[in-house]
Amino acid sequence: MPKPTEVAEIVVNGQRFSNFETVSVSRSGVDPFPKFSFTAASPIESAPNWAGMKLGIGDECEILLGGRQVISKGRITGRQPAFDPQQHGLQILGTTNSAAVVRATVDHNKGEYKGYTLSQIANAALKPHGTKFSVKGDTSGMDKPFEKVAVQFGETVFAFIERLCRMRNAYILCEKNGDLIGYRLDSATKTIADLQEGRNILAGSASFNYEGALSEIQAQGQRPGKDERFGDAARDQSATVKNSSVKEHVPLIFAAEMPGDQAEMRMRAQHENGYNLADQLTVQITVQGWFRDESSLWLEHIGDPVSVYSPLLFTNDRINLAIQAVSATQGPAGTLSQLTLVLPGAYNGGDQVQAGGTPPGLYGA
């Protein structure tokens, strides 16, 4: 009999389905909408009646791992039954129902928004889809009102919100109920776990990538002119973020997608720097089980910092990183969580001072 903490369930119309052969539930800060995949296969003589299982595409569902809810408002997006003379099989795929905002266009009859904040505009765009938006972490500057925001024809709801988040240095995450979060890692946030080679790390790998590293990133833009602001006060708004760990002179100057003042250009430059930092170090860590502790799953900690001790991966032995993605799996190899870790600056655009266990240099090697 499986341990209660290792049971995966799909709930549809109040009916629970478990005993799957393989399970995968993933969540990421790159693609914020969680994904799940459940497969089952049985010999022909004992196979359930897959046609009778009420698991159809489009069905709303709930996903639980170890009795803990990981997706409360999910939707089945794929159903793949198969059979041969020896066995019957079924694979169920899905995500949260709010993922529809990736393909749904914004109601641009709203025209434009003047003097509204990121949260106000995002919630207005999400309202028809029953989804909400909030901010979390270091929220300084996030709800600075936009002077004017126009919806672009054919722009999807998610693309619209993501465009605004870039101008506020906010990184989009997703709650278990599908609500979206504009997140920025606070530099004062303590690590939530200590991962150690030889103790609680089953497997690990690291990829250091200096090829695309930039020494500085500058965002340039303009502000709308008006009677009391014209000429130089409206033109030439710019801000620069630097990465002192890049020794060559490799600058990037780009035009911001939207107008804004210097503070907005700085947030836009930091956001771009965050994505550049995310590509420079990627660490894969596999741990036993789905739970970080008795009260939370690893899946619930996207964006949180962890401390990693691994002399085999880092020449400085220990480094603080942030969780970019988690894949909770179950199959022949057991019940596991694979964590994808990146530099913490990937979630705040840099300018973070780490405390405790921080190696010399940015990359820890």
Protein backbone atom coordinates (compact mmCIF):
# COMPACT_ATOMS: atom_id res chain seq x y z
CA MET A 1 0.00 0.00 0.00
CA PRO A 2 1.52 3.37 -1.01
CA LYS A 3 2.36 5.99 1.59
CA PRO A 4 -0.31 8.71 1.88
CA THR A 5 2.35 11.32 1.03
CA GLU A 6 3.02 9.52 -2.28
CA VAL A 7 -0.51 9.23 -3.65
CA ALA A 8 -1.44 11.34 -6.69
CA GLU A 9 -5.11 11.96 -7.46
CA ILE A 10 -7.26 13.58 -10.13
CA VAL A 11 -10.70 14.67 -8.92
CA VAL A 12 -13.45 15.15 -11.53
CA ASN A 13 -17.07 15.78 -10.55
CA GLY A 14 -16.30 14.63 -7.02
CA GLN A 15 -14.87 11.29 -8.19
CA ARG A 16 -11.25 10.52 -7.34
CA PHE A 17 -8.88 8.67 -9.67
CA SER A 18 -5.50 7.35 -8.50
CA ASN A 19 -3.22 4.29 -8.95
CA PHE A 20 -1.51 5.79 -11.99
CA GLU A 21 1.65 4.25 -13.41
CA THR A 22 3.45 7.55 -13.91
CA VAL A 23 2.74 11.05 -12.60
CA SER A 24 4.20 14.43 -13.49
CA VAL A 25 3.12 17.83 -12.18
CA SER A 26 5.30 20.82 -13.02
CA ARG A 27 5.32 24.51 -12.25
CA SER A 28 7.71 27.13 -13.61
CA GLY A 29 8.53 30.80 -13.39
CA VAL A 30 9.15 30.83 -17.15
CA ASP A 31 5.79 29.33 -18.16
CA PRO A 32 3.75 30.16 -15.04
CA PHE A 33 0.79 27.89 -15.73
CA PRO A 34 1.23 24.43 -14.12
CA LYS A 35 1.11 21.29 -16.23
CA PHE A 36 0.15 17.75 -15.28
CA SER A 37 0.41 14.35 -16.93
CA PHE A 38 -0.96 11.06 -15.56
CA THR A 39 -0.56 7.70 -17.31
CA ALA A 40 -1.93 4.26 -16.53
CA ALA A 41 -1.58 0.90 -18.24
CA SER A 42 -2.98 -2.51 -17.31
CA PRO A 43 -3.05 -6.00 -18.81
CA ILE A 44 -6.02 -6.52 -21.07
CA GLU A 45 -7.78 -8.93 -18.72
CA SER A 46 -7.70 -6.54 -15.74
CA ALA A 47 -7.76 -3.13 -17.39
CA PRO A 48 -10.40 -0.67 -16.20
CA ASN A 49 -13.04 0.48 -18.63
CA TRP A 50 -11.25 3.63 -19.83
CA ALA A 51 -14.31 4.69 -21.80
CA GLY A 52 -16.29 4.66 -18.57
CA MET A 53 -13.81 6.87 -16.72
CA LYS A 54 -15.25 10.37 -16.71
CA LEU A 55 -12.04 12.08 -17.76
CA GLY A 56 -12.77 14.01 -20.94
CA ILE A 57 -11.00 16.96 -22.52
CA GLY A 58 -12.36 20.25 -21.27
CA ASP A 59 -13.42 18.76 -17.92
CA GLU A 60 -12.66 20.80 -14.84
CA CYS A 61 -10.52 18.93 -12.33
CA GLU A 62 -8.52 19.13 -9.13
CA ILE A 63 -5.00 17.70 -8.66
CA LEU A 64 -3.70 16.46 -5.31
CA LEU A 65 -0.25 15.16 -4.41
CA GLY A 66 0.08 13.43 -1.06
CA GLY A 67 -3.35 14.74 -0.11
CA ARG A 68 -2.29 18.35 -0.70
CA GLN A 69 -4.02 20.37 -3.39
CA VAL A 70 -1.64 21.61 -6.10
CA ILE A 71 -4.22 22.68 -8.71
CA SER A 72 -7.66 23.66 -7.46
CA LYS A 73 -9.17 24.86 -10.73
CA GLY A 74 -7.65 22.65 -13.39
CA ARG A 75 -8.77 21.59 -16.81
CA ILE A 76 -8.07 18.41 -18.78
CA THR A 77 -6.63 19.46 -22.14
CA GLY A 78 -5.52 16.08 -23.51
CA ARG A 79 -6.80 12.50 -23.36
CA GLN A 80 -4.90 9.73 -25.13
CA PRO A 81 -6.33 6.21 -24.75
CA ALA A 82 -4.61 3.31 -26.50
CA PHE A 83 -4.80 -0.48 -26.63
CA ASP A 84 -3.20 -3.51 -28.22
CA PRO A 85 -3.79 -7.28 -27.76
CA GLN A 86 -1.85 -7.24 -24.47
CA GLN A 87 -2.91 -4.09 -22.62
CA HIS A 88 -5.00 -0.97 -22.35
CA GLY A 89 -3.54 2.43 -21.52
CA LEU A 90 -4.55 6.01 -20.89
CA GLN A 91 -2.72 9.32 -20.60
CA ILE A 92 -4.39 12.43 -19.17
CA LEU A 93 -2.84 15.88 -19.70
CA GLY A 94 -3.89 19.26 -18.41
CA THR A 95 -3.19 22.60 -16.82
CA THR A 96 -4.97 25.25 -14.79
CA ASN A 97 -8.10 26.66 -16.41
CA SER A 98 -6.66 30.18 -16.30
CA ALA A 99 -4.14 29.15 -18.96
CA ALA A 100 -6.84 30.16 -21.45
CA VAL A 101 -5.60 33.76 -21.12
CA VAL A 102 -2.54 32.73 -23.18
CA ARG A 103 -4.74 32.32 -26.26
CA ALA A 104 -7.62 34.69 -25.49
CA THR A 105 -7.30 38.23 -26.84
CA VAL A 106 -7.93 41.30 -24.75
CA ASP A 107 -11.21 43.11 -25.16
CA HIS A 108 -9.64 46.16 -26.80
CA ASN A 109 -12.99 47.94 -26.87
CA LYS A 110 -11.81 49.13 -23.47
CA GLY A 111 -9.57 51.48 -25.48
CA GLU A 112 -6.85 52.78 -23.20
CA TYR A 113 -6.13 53.12 -19.51
CA LYS A 114 -4.94 56.44 -18.10
CA GLY A 115 -3.52 56.72 -14.60
CA TYR A 116 -4.20 53.09 -13.65
CA THR A 117 -1.78 50.77 -11.85
CA LEU A 118 -0.46 47.39 -12.98
CA SER A 119 -2.84 45.57 -10.62
CA GLN A 120 -5.87 47.59 -11.73
CA ILE A 121 -5.20 47.08 -15.45
CA ALA A 122 -4.33 43.39 -15.09
CA ASN A 123 -7.48 42.69 -13.06
CA ALA A 124 -9.61 44.50 -15.62
CA ALA A 125 -8.16 42.34 -18.42
CA LEU A 126 -8.54 39.13 -16.39
CA LYS A 127 -12.06 39.77 -15.08
CA PRO A 128 -13.92 38.10 -18.01
CA HIS A 129 -11.89 34.94 -17.34
CA GLY A 130 -12.62 34.71 -13.62
CA THR A 131 -8.96 35.20 -12.77
CA LYS A 132 -7.32 37.76 -10.49
CA PHE A 133 -3.93 39.46 -10.26
CA SER A 134 -1.93 40.57 -7.22
CA VAL A 135 1.65 41.54 -6.39
CA LYS A 136 4.04 39.82 -3.99
CA GLY A 137 7.55 40.13 -2.56
CA ASP A 138 9.44 43.38 -3.10
CA THR A 139 6.57 45.40 -4.56
CA SER A 140 8.31 48.79 -4.57
CA GLY A 141 7.34 50.67 -7.72
CA MET A 142 5.12 47.87 -9.01
CA ASP A 143 1.91 49.83 -8.63
CA LYS A 144 3.27 53.11 -9.94
CA PRO A 145 0.40 54.34 -12.15
CA PHE A 146 0.92 54.21 -15.91
CA GLU A 147 0.28 57.54 -17.61
CA LYS A 148 -1.36 55.81 -20.56
CA VAL A 149 -1.66 52.19 -21.67
CA ALA A 150 -3.22 51.17 -24.97
CA VAL A 151 -4.28 47.63 -25.79
CA GLN A 152 -2.68 46.44 -29.01
CA PHE A 153 -5.02 44.90 -31.56
CA GLY A 154 -4.94 41.10 -31.34
CA GLU A 155 -2.85 41.09 -28.15
CA THR A 156 -3.58 38.17 -25.83
CA VAL A 157 -4.49 38.77 -22.20
CA PHE A 158 -1.29 37.14 -20.98
CA ALA A 159 0.93 39.02 -23.45
CA PHE A 160 -0.74 42.29 -22.43
CA ILE A 161 -0.13 41.70 -18.72
CA GLU A 162 3.40 40.43 -19.31
CA ARG A 163 4.19 43.61 -21.29
CA LEU A 164 3.10 45.73 -18.34
CA CYS A 165 5.02 43.53 -15.89
CA ARG A 166 8.23 44.10 -17.86
CA MET A 167 7.85 47.82 -17.24
CA ARG A 168 7.46 47.16 -13.50
CA ASN A 169 10.21 44.53 -13.11
CA ALA A 170 7.61 41.95 -12.09
CA TYR A 171 7.91 38.24 -12.86
CA ILE A 172 4.65 36.36 -13.39
CA LEU A 173 3.82 33.35 -11.20
CA CYS A 174 0.59 31.39 -10.82
CA GLU A 175 -1.36 30.36 -7.73
CA LYS A 176 -2.90 26.88 -7.40
CA ASN A 177 -6.32 28.39 -8.23
CA GLY A 178 -4.94 29.96 -11.43
CA ASP A 179 -4.69 33.53 -10.18
CA LEU A 180 -1.62 35.41 -11.42
CA ILE A 181 1.03 37.10 -9.29
CA GLY A 182 3.48 39.84 -10.19
CA TYR A 183 6.52 38.74 -8.16
CA ARG A 184 9.89 40.23 -7.30
CA LEU A 185 12.27 38.50 -4.90
CA ASP A 186 13.03 40.64 -1.87
CA SER A 187 16.76 40.78 -1.19
CA ALA A 188 16.04 40.30 2.53
CA THR A 189 14.25 36.98 1.99
CA LYS A 190 15.94 34.12 3.83
CA THR A 191 16.63 30.78 2.18
CA ILE A 192 13.83 28.27 2.72
CA ALA A 193 15.99 25.14 2.55
CA ASP A 194 19.55 23.89 2.79
CA LEU A 195 20.31 21.37 0.05
CA GLN A 196 23.51 19.42 0.61
CA GLU A 197 25.45 16.99 -1.53
CA GLY A 198 25.66 13.65 0.26
CA ARG A 199 22.72 14.41 2.54
CA ASN A 200 19.46 15.35 0.81
CA ILE A 201 20.53 15.77 -2.84
CA LEU A 202 20.01 12.58 -4.85
CA ALA A 203 21.43 13.94 -8.11
CA GLY A 204 22.68 17.26 -9.41
CA SER A 205 24.05 18.97 -12.48
CA ALA A 206 24.99 22.53 -13.39
CA SER A 207 25.32 24.51 -16.60
CA PHE A 208 27.41 27.70 -16.55
CA ASN A 209 26.81 29.78 -19.66
CA TYR A 210 28.93 32.90 -20.14
CA GLU A 211 28.28 33.17 -23.88
CA GLY A 212 25.26 35.45 -23.64
CA ALA A 213 26.33 37.41 -20.56
CA LEU A 214 25.97 41.19 -20.76
CA SER A 215 28.04 43.68 -18.78
CA GLU A 216 25.30 46.31 -18.77
CA ILE A 217 21.77 46.74 -20.02
CA GLN A 218 20.24 50.11 -20.82
CA ALA A 219 16.56 50.72 -21.49
CA GLN A 220 15.69 53.86 -23.44
CA GLY A 221 12.32 55.48 -23.94
CA GLN A 222 10.31 58.67 -23.97
CA ARG A 223 7.53 60.21 -21.92
CA PRO A 224 4.38 61.64 -23.42
CA GLY A 225 4.74 65.39 -23.69
CA LYS A 226 2.26 67.82 -22.20
CA ASP A 227 2.05 71.53 -21.38
CA GLU A 228 4.21 71.34 -18.26
CA ARG A 229 6.59 68.70 -19.66
CA PHE A 230 8.16 69.01 -23.09
CA GLY A 231 11.52 68.94 -24.83
CA ASP A 232 14.29 67.17 -22.90
CA ALA A 233 11.95 66.42 -20.01
CA ALA A 234 9.90 64.22 -22.33
CA ARG A 235 12.74 62.86 -24.46
CA ASP A 236 15.72 60.68 -23.62
CA GLN A 237 14.45 58.72 -20.63
CA SER A 238 16.96 55.95 -19.89
CA ALA A 239 18.42 53.78 -17.11
CA THR A 240 21.28 51.28 -16.93
CA VAL A 241 21.81 48.13 -14.85
CA LYS A 242 25.32 46.63 -14.67
CA ASN A 243 26.67 43.12 -14.07
CA SER A 244 30.14 43.57 -12.58
CA SER A 245 30.91 39.85 -12.93
CA VAL A 246 31.11 40.20 -16.73
CA LYS A 247 34.66 41.33 -17.45
CA GLU A 248 34.28 42.28 -21.11
CA HIS A 249 32.51 45.39 -22.31
CA VAL A 250 29.29 43.81 -23.64
CA PRO A 251 26.49 46.39 -23.40
CA LEU A 252 22.93 46.05 -24.62
CA ILE A 253 20.85 49.13 -25.41
CA PHE A 254 17.21 48.60 -26.34
CA ALA A 255 14.05 50.62 -26.76
CA ALA A 256 11.42 50.01 -24.11
CA GLU A 257 8.11 48.75 -25.45
CA MET A 258 6.21 51.52 -23.70
CA PRO A 259 6.84 55.16 -22.77
CA GLY A 260 7.89 55.97 -19.22
CA ASP A 261 10.06 58.05 -16.95
CA GLN A 262 13.52 57.18 -15.67
CA ALA A 263 12.19 55.07 -12.78
CA GLU A 264 10.15 53.02 -15.25
CA MET A 265 13.17 52.64 -17.56
CA ARG A 266 15.19 51.35 -14.61
CA MET A 267 12.57 48.73 -13.79
CA ARG A 268 12.48 47.71 -17.46
CA ALA A 269 16.30 47.40 -17.58
CA GLN A 270 16.31 45.35 -14.37
CA HIS A 271 13.68 43.00 -15.79
CA GLU A 272 15.80 42.42 -18.90
CA ASN A 273 18.84 41.85 -16.71
CA GLY A 274 16.90 39.26 -14.72
CA TYR A 275 16.28 37.19 -17.82
CA ASN A 276 19.93 37.52 -18.83
CA LEU A 277 21.04 36.29 -15.39
CA ALA A 278 18.66 33.33 -15.59
CA ASP A 279 20.54 32.04 -18.64
CA GLN A 280 23.99 32.25 -17.05
CA LEU A 281 23.66 29.52 -14.43
CA THR A 282 21.17 26.66 -14.33
CA VAL A 283 21.36 23.97 -11.68
CA GLN A 284 19.27 20.80 -11.63
CA ILE A 285 18.78 19.17 -8.23
CA THR A 286 16.79 15.99 -7.57
CA VAL A 287 15.43 15.32 -4.09
CA GLN A 288 13.37 12.52 -2.59
CA GLY A 289 9.62 13.01 -2.36
CA TRP A 290 7.25 15.85 -3.17
CA PHE A 291 7.28 17.63 0.19
CA ARG A 292 9.78 20.28 1.26
CA ASP A 293 8.55 19.89 4.81
CA GLU A 294 5.43 18.58 6.56
CA SER A 295 3.33 21.55 5.49
CA SER A 296 4.43 22.42 1.94
CA LEU A 297 5.36 20.92 -1.41
CA TRP A 298 8.39 21.96 -3.44
CA LEU A 299 5.90 22.96 -6.15
CA GLU A 300 4.68 25.77 -3.89
CA HIS A 301 8.05 27.52 -3.71
CA ILE A 302 8.73 28.91 -7.19
CA GLY A 303 10.85 32.05 -6.82
CA ASP A 304 12.03 31.25 -3.29
CA PRO A 305 15.78 31.16 -2.51
CA VAL A 306 17.61 28.02 -1.33
CA SER A 307 21.16 27.35 -0.22
CA VAL A 308 23.02 24.63 -2.12
CA TYR A 309 26.22 22.95 -0.87
CA SER A 310 27.93 20.88 -3.56
CA PRO A 311 31.73 20.76 -3.98
CA LEU A 312 31.18 18.65 -7.10
CA LEU A 313 29.13 21.42 -8.78
CA PHE A 314 30.69 24.63 -7.41
CA THR A 315 34.33 25.44 -6.86
CA ASN A 316 33.29 27.61 -3.93
CA ASP A 317 31.23 24.73 -2.49
CA ARG A 318 28.09 26.71 -1.57
CA ILE A 319 25.84 29.17 -3.37
CA ASN A 320 22.40 30.69 -2.84
CA LEU A 321 20.02 30.18 -5.76
CA ALA A 322 16.31 30.67 -6.50
CA ILE A 323 13.82 28.01 -7.57
CA GLN A 324 12.82 28.59 -11.19
CA ALA A 325 10.89 25.37 -11.81
CA VAL A 326 9.80 22.19 -10.04
CA SER A 327 8.73 18.90 -11.56
CA ALA A 328 7.10 16.46 -9.13
CA THR A 329 7.20 12.96 -10.62
CA GLN A 330 6.38 9.38 -9.79
CA GLY A 331 7.30 6.28 -11.72
CA PRO A 332 9.80 3.41 -11.81
CA ALA A 333 12.48 5.65 -10.25
CA GLY A 334 10.23 6.46 -7.27
CA THR A 335 8.62 9.64 -5.97
CA LEU A 336 10.87 12.60 -6.73
CA SER A 337 11.06 16.37 -7.14
CA GLN A 338 13.44 17.91 -9.65
CA LEU A 339 14.30 21.52 -8.90
CA THR A 340 15.62 23.92 -11.52
CA LEU A 341 17.63 26.64 -9.79
CA VAL A 342 18.94 29.95 -11.15
CA LEU A 343 20.72 33.02 -9.82
CA PRO A 344 18.42 34.95 -7.44
CA GLY A 345 18.83 38.05 -9.62
CA ALA A 346 16.66 36.28 -12.17
CA TYR A 347 13.71 37.24 -9.96
CA ASN A 348 14.58 40.84 -9.14
CA GLY A 349 16.78 41.99 -11.99
CA GLY A 350 19.97 42.03 -9.95
CA ASP A 351 21.12 44.51 -7.33
CA GLN A 352 20.63 41.78 -4.72
CA VAL A 353 23.07 41.39 -1.84
CA GLN A 354 23.04 37.81 -0.64
CA ALA A 355 23.76 37.03 2.98
CA GLY A 356 25.29 33.80 4.24
CA GLY A 357 27.09 31.25 2.11
CA THR A 358 27.60 33.59 -0.81
CA PRO A 359 30.71 32.73 -2.83
CA PRO A 360 33.06 35.32 -4.34
CA GLY A 361 31.83 36.29 -7.77
CA LEU A 362 28.37 35.94 -9.21
CA TYR A 363 28.52 32.38 -10.51
CA GLY A 364 30.01 30.45 -7.61
CA ALA A 365 32.68 28.82 -9.72
